[in-house]
N, C-alpha and C. Protein backbone atom coordinates (compact mmCIF):
# COMPACT_ATOMS: atom_id res chain seq x y z
N MET A 1 0.84 -1.17 0.00
CA MET A 1 0.00 0.00 0.00
C MET A 1 0.89 1.23 0.00
N GLY A 2 0.57 2.17 -0.82
CA GLY A 2 1.38 3.38 -0.87
C GLY A 2 0.49 4.60 -0.89
N GLY A 3 1.13 5.74 -0.84
CA GLY A 3 0.42 7.00 -0.95
C GLY A 3 -0.46 7.28 0.25
N LEU A 4 -1.59 7.92 -0.03
CA LEU A 4 -2.51 8.34 1.02
C LEU A 4 -3.17 7.15 1.71
N ILE A 5 -3.47 6.10 0.96
CA ILE A 5 -4.12 4.93 1.55
C ILE A 5 -3.20 4.27 2.57
N GLY A 6 -1.90 4.16 2.23
CA GLY A 6 -0.94 3.58 3.17
C GLY A 6 -0.79 4.44 4.41
N ALA A 7 -0.82 5.76 4.23
CA ALA A 7 -0.69 6.65 5.38
C ALA A 7 -1.89 6.52 6.30
N VAL A 8 -3.10 6.44 5.71
CA VAL A 8 -4.30 6.30 6.52
C VAL A 8 -4.31 4.95 7.22
N ALA A 9 -3.89 3.89 6.51
CA ALA A 9 -3.83 2.56 7.12
C ALA A 9 -2.84 2.54 8.27
N GLY A 10 -1.72 3.23 8.11
CA GLY A 10 -0.73 3.28 9.18
C GLY A 10 -1.25 3.98 10.41
N ILE A 11 -2.02 5.04 10.22
CA ILE A 11 -2.58 5.77 11.35
C ILE A 11 -3.61 4.88 12.06
N CYS A 12 -4.40 4.14 11.27
CA CYS A 12 -5.41 3.27 11.87
C CYS A 12 -4.77 2.11 12.64
N ASP A 13 -3.61 1.65 12.20
CA ASP A 13 -2.93 0.55 12.89
C ASP A 13 -2.24 1.00 14.16
N GLY A 14 -2.10 2.30 14.34
CA GLY A 14 -1.41 2.80 15.51
C GLY A 14 0.09 2.95 15.31
N ARG A 15 0.58 2.67 14.13
CA ARG A 15 2.01 2.86 13.85
C ARG A 15 2.17 4.12 13.01
N PRO A 16 3.32 4.79 13.10
CA PRO A 16 3.50 6.00 12.31
C PRO A 16 3.52 5.67 10.82
N PRO A 17 2.90 6.52 9.99
CA PRO A 17 2.81 6.22 8.57
C PRO A 17 4.14 6.34 7.84
N TYR A 18 5.06 7.10 8.34
CA TYR A 18 6.33 7.31 7.67
C TYR A 18 7.47 7.00 8.63
N PRO A 19 8.58 6.45 8.16
CA PRO A 19 9.69 6.09 9.06
C PRO A 19 10.29 7.29 9.78
N GLU A 20 10.25 8.47 9.15
CA GLU A 20 10.83 9.66 9.79
C GLU A 20 10.10 9.98 11.09
N GLU A 21 8.79 9.79 11.08
CA GLU A 21 8.01 10.08 12.28
C GLU A 21 8.33 9.09 13.39
N ALA A 22 8.67 7.87 13.04
CA ALA A 22 9.06 6.89 14.06
C ALA A 22 10.36 7.33 14.73
N ASP A 23 11.31 7.87 13.95
CA ASP A 23 12.56 8.37 14.52
C ASP A 23 12.31 9.54 15.45
N GLN A 24 11.38 10.42 15.06
CA GLN A 24 11.07 11.57 15.91
C GLN A 24 10.42 11.12 17.21
N ASP A 25 9.53 10.14 17.12
CA ASP A 25 8.89 9.63 18.34
C ASP A 25 9.93 9.00 19.26
N HIS A 26 10.88 8.26 18.69
CA HIS A 26 11.93 7.64 19.49
C HIS A 26 12.78 8.70 20.17
N GLY A 27 13.09 9.78 19.46
CA GLY A 27 13.88 10.86 20.05
C GLY A 27 13.15 11.54 21.19
N ARG A 28 11.84 11.74 21.00
CA ARG A 28 11.05 12.38 22.05
C ARG A 28 10.97 11.49 23.28
N GLU A 29 10.79 10.18 23.06
CA GLU A 29 10.73 9.25 24.19
C GLU A 29 12.06 9.21 24.94
N GLU A 30 13.16 9.23 24.20
CA GLU A 30 14.48 9.22 24.85
C GLU A 30 14.69 10.50 25.65
N PHE A 31 14.27 11.64 25.09
CA PHE A 31 14.40 12.92 25.80
C PHE A 31 13.59 12.90 27.08
N GLU A 32 12.35 12.40 27.01
CA GLU A 32 11.50 12.35 28.20
C GLU A 32 12.07 11.40 29.24
N ARG A 33 12.66 10.29 28.79
CA ARG A 33 13.23 9.32 29.73
C ARG A 33 14.45 9.92 30.43
N ASN A 34 15.27 10.65 29.71
CA ASN A 34 16.49 11.21 30.30
C ASN A 34 16.22 12.39 31.23
N TYR A 35 15.21 13.19 30.92
CA TYR A 35 15.00 14.43 31.67
C TYR A 35 13.73 14.43 32.50
N ARG A 36 13.08 13.29 32.67
CA ARG A 36 11.87 13.22 33.48
C ARG A 36 12.23 13.44 34.94
N GLY A 37 11.53 14.33 35.59
CA GLY A 37 11.72 14.56 37.01
C GLY A 37 12.87 15.50 37.34
N ARG A 38 13.59 15.94 36.36
CA ARG A 38 14.70 16.88 36.63
C ARG A 38 14.23 18.29 36.38
N ARG A 39 14.15 19.06 37.40
CA ARG A 39 13.80 20.47 37.25
C ARG A 39 15.05 21.27 37.59
N ARG A 40 15.49 22.05 36.67
CA ARG A 40 16.69 22.84 36.91
C ARG A 40 16.28 24.27 37.24
N SER A 41 16.90 24.81 38.26
CA SER A 41 16.60 26.17 38.63
C SER A 41 17.63 27.10 37.98
N MET A 42 17.35 28.39 38.07
CA MET A 42 18.23 29.37 37.45
C MET A 42 19.59 29.39 38.15
N VAL A 43 19.64 29.00 39.40
CA VAL A 43 20.90 29.03 40.15
C VAL A 43 21.88 28.00 39.60
N GLN A 44 21.40 26.92 39.02
CA GLN A 44 22.30 25.93 38.45
C GLN A 44 22.98 26.42 37.18
N PHE A 45 22.33 27.32 36.44
CA PHE A 45 22.90 27.82 35.20
C PHE A 45 23.75 29.07 35.41
N PHE A 46 23.38 29.91 36.37
CA PHE A 46 24.07 31.17 36.63
C PHE A 46 24.59 31.16 38.06
N SER A 47 25.70 31.84 38.27
CA SER A 47 26.19 31.99 39.64
C SER A 47 25.39 33.09 40.32
N LEU A 48 25.50 33.17 41.65
CA LEU A 48 24.76 34.17 42.41
C LEU A 48 25.19 35.58 42.01
N GLY A 49 26.48 35.75 41.75
CA GLY A 49 26.98 37.08 41.35
C GLY A 49 26.41 37.53 40.01
N SER A 50 26.33 36.61 39.04
CA SER A 50 25.80 37.00 37.74
C SER A 50 24.30 37.27 37.80
N ILE A 51 23.59 36.56 38.67
CA ILE A 51 22.16 36.84 38.85
C ILE A 51 21.98 38.23 39.44
N LEU A 52 22.81 38.60 40.41
CA LEU A 52 22.71 39.94 41.00
C LEU A 52 23.04 41.03 39.99
N VAL A 53 24.02 40.79 39.12
CA VAL A 53 24.35 41.76 38.07
C VAL A 53 23.18 41.93 37.11
N LEU A 54 22.55 40.83 36.71
CA LEU A 54 21.41 40.91 35.80
C LEU A 54 20.22 41.63 36.45
N VAL A 55 19.98 41.38 37.74
CA VAL A 55 18.88 42.06 38.44
C VAL A 55 19.17 43.55 38.56
N ALA A 56 20.42 43.92 38.89
CA ALA A 56 20.78 45.33 38.99
C ALA A 56 20.67 46.03 37.63
N LEU A 57 21.08 45.36 36.57
CA LEU A 57 20.97 45.94 35.24
C LEU A 57 19.51 46.16 34.86
N ALA A 58 18.66 45.19 35.14
CA ALA A 58 17.23 45.34 34.84
C ALA A 58 16.61 46.47 35.66
N ALA A 59 16.97 46.56 36.93
CA ALA A 59 16.43 47.63 37.78
C ALA A 59 16.88 49.00 37.30
N SER A 60 18.15 49.11 36.88
CA SER A 60 18.63 50.40 36.39
C SER A 60 17.95 50.78 35.09
N MET A 61 17.64 49.80 34.24
CA MET A 61 16.95 50.12 32.99
C MET A 61 15.51 50.57 33.23
N VAL A 62 14.94 50.15 34.35
CA VAL A 62 13.57 50.57 34.68
C VAL A 62 13.58 51.91 35.41
N LEU A 63 14.50 52.08 36.35
CA LEU A 63 14.44 53.26 37.23
C LEU A 63 15.16 54.49 36.68
N LEU A 64 16.28 54.32 35.99
CA LEU A 64 17.03 55.48 35.52
C LEU A 64 16.25 56.37 34.55
N PRO A 65 15.50 55.85 33.60
CA PRO A 65 14.73 56.76 32.74
C PRO A 65 13.69 57.57 33.51
N LEU A 66 13.23 57.06 34.65
CA LEU A 66 12.26 57.81 35.44
C LEU A 66 12.93 58.94 36.23
N MET A 67 14.20 58.77 36.59
CA MET A 67 14.89 59.77 37.42
C MET A 67 15.64 60.82 36.59
N LEU A 68 16.17 60.43 35.44
CA LEU A 68 16.98 61.35 34.65
C LEU A 68 16.09 62.26 33.82
N PRO A 69 16.57 63.50 33.56
CA PRO A 69 15.77 64.40 32.72
C PRO A 69 15.81 63.92 31.26
N PRO A 70 14.81 64.28 30.48
CA PRO A 70 14.81 63.85 29.08
C PRO A 70 15.96 64.51 28.31
N LEU A 71 16.53 63.77 27.41
CA LEU A 71 17.64 64.27 26.61
C LEU A 71 17.11 64.95 25.35
N PRO A 72 17.87 65.92 24.84
CA PRO A 72 17.45 66.54 23.57
C PRO A 72 17.65 65.54 22.42
N PRO A 73 16.95 65.74 21.32
CA PRO A 73 17.12 64.82 20.20
C PRO A 73 18.54 64.91 19.61
N PRO A 74 19.05 63.83 19.07
CA PRO A 74 20.39 63.86 18.50
C PRO A 74 20.41 64.67 17.20
N PRO A 75 21.60 65.08 16.76
CA PRO A 75 21.69 65.78 15.48
C PRO A 75 21.19 64.88 14.33
N LEU A 76 20.72 65.53 13.27
CA LEU A 76 20.14 64.80 12.15
C LEU A 76 21.14 63.85 11.49
N VAL A 77 22.42 64.21 11.49
CA VAL A 77 23.43 63.37 10.86
C VAL A 77 23.53 62.02 11.59
N LEU A 78 23.43 62.03 12.91
CA LEU A 78 23.51 60.79 13.66
C LEU A 78 22.29 59.90 13.42
N LEU A 79 21.16 60.50 13.08
CA LEU A 79 19.98 59.69 12.80
C LEU A 79 20.14 58.92 11.48
N PHE A 80 20.93 59.45 10.55
CA PHE A 80 21.13 58.77 9.27
C PHE A 80 22.24 57.73 9.33
N PHE A 81 22.99 57.67 10.41
CA PHE A 81 24.09 56.71 10.53
C PHE A 81 23.60 55.26 10.45
N PRO A 82 22.60 54.82 11.23
CA PRO A 82 22.12 53.44 11.07
C PRO A 82 21.49 53.18 9.71
N VAL A 83 20.86 54.21 9.12
CA VAL A 83 20.28 54.05 7.79
C VAL A 83 21.38 53.80 6.77
N GLY A 84 22.52 54.49 6.91
CA GLY A 84 23.65 54.29 6.00
C GLY A 84 24.26 52.90 6.15
N ILE A 85 24.36 52.42 7.39
CA ILE A 85 24.88 51.06 7.61
C ILE A 85 23.95 50.04 6.96
N MET A 86 22.64 50.22 7.12
CA MET A 86 21.69 49.29 6.52
C MET A 86 21.76 49.33 5.00
N ALA A 87 21.91 50.51 4.42
CA ALA A 87 22.02 50.63 2.97
C ALA A 87 23.28 49.94 2.46
N ALA A 88 24.39 50.10 3.18
CA ALA A 88 25.64 49.45 2.77
C ALA A 88 25.51 47.93 2.86
N LEU A 89 24.87 47.43 3.91
CA LEU A 89 24.68 45.98 4.04
C LEU A 89 23.78 45.42 2.95
N MET A 90 22.73 46.16 2.60
CA MET A 90 21.85 45.69 1.52
C MET A 90 22.57 45.73 0.18
N LEU A 91 23.40 46.74 -0.04
CA LEU A 91 24.18 46.82 -1.28
C LEU A 91 25.12 45.63 -1.38
N LEU A 92 25.78 45.29 -0.28
CA LEU A 92 26.67 44.13 -0.29
C LEU A 92 25.91 42.82 -0.46
N ALA A 93 24.74 42.74 0.13
CA ALA A 93 23.98 41.49 0.06
C ALA A 93 23.46 41.22 -1.34
N PHE A 94 23.05 42.25 -2.05
CA PHE A 94 22.44 42.05 -3.37
C PHE A 94 23.40 42.28 -4.52
N SER A 95 24.64 42.65 -4.25
CA SER A 95 25.60 42.81 -5.34
C SER A 95 26.15 41.44 -5.72
N PRO A 96 26.43 41.24 -7.02
CA PRO A 96 26.94 39.92 -7.44
C PRO A 96 28.36 39.71 -6.94
N ALA A 97 28.68 38.47 -6.67
CA ALA A 97 30.03 38.13 -6.23
C ALA A 97 30.98 38.26 -7.41
N ASP A 98 32.18 38.74 -7.17
CA ASP A 98 33.17 38.92 -8.23
C ASP A 98 33.93 37.59 -8.37
N ALA A 99 33.49 36.75 -9.31
CA ALA A 99 34.10 35.43 -9.48
C ALA A 99 35.44 35.51 -10.19
N GLY A 100 35.71 36.58 -10.92
CA GLY A 100 36.96 36.68 -11.69
C GLY A 100 38.12 37.23 -10.88
N ALA A 101 37.97 37.39 -9.59
CA ALA A 101 39.02 38.00 -8.79
C ALA A 101 40.04 36.97 -8.30
N GLY A 102 40.02 35.77 -8.86
CA GLY A 102 40.99 34.76 -8.45
C GLY A 102 40.53 33.93 -7.27
N GLY A 103 39.27 34.03 -6.91
CA GLY A 103 38.76 33.24 -5.79
C GLY A 103 38.45 31.83 -6.24
N ASN A 104 37.97 31.04 -5.35
CA ASN A 104 37.59 29.67 -5.67
C ASN A 104 36.28 29.69 -6.45
N VAL A 105 36.32 29.20 -7.66
CA VAL A 105 35.15 29.20 -8.52
C VAL A 105 34.78 27.75 -8.82
N VAL A 106 33.53 27.40 -8.51
CA VAL A 106 33.05 26.05 -8.80
C VAL A 106 32.16 26.14 -10.02
N VAL A 107 32.48 25.37 -11.05
CA VAL A 107 31.70 25.43 -12.29
C VAL A 107 30.89 24.18 -12.44
């Protein structure tokens, strides 16, 4: 049986219709078997000092804009700086590669 009929028959039998799905199911079962019951806290991934630095950084990002006076807008030239970088990157991305420059050319 092949095609759609084989796929439907496989689903009705309780087996995966395609071998790739069987591999995925096996991988998921192995993952669940290895990591069942293990709950990792943030302290296991980060040290106490790095957690304190991250908390202080987050607090400063929330509180400093409320305490500091508003800044004047930047000069117009500085506003075009990121636009120029983006234009240069797009020019490089869409320009053809120079194959005649002695580089590795695969024909």
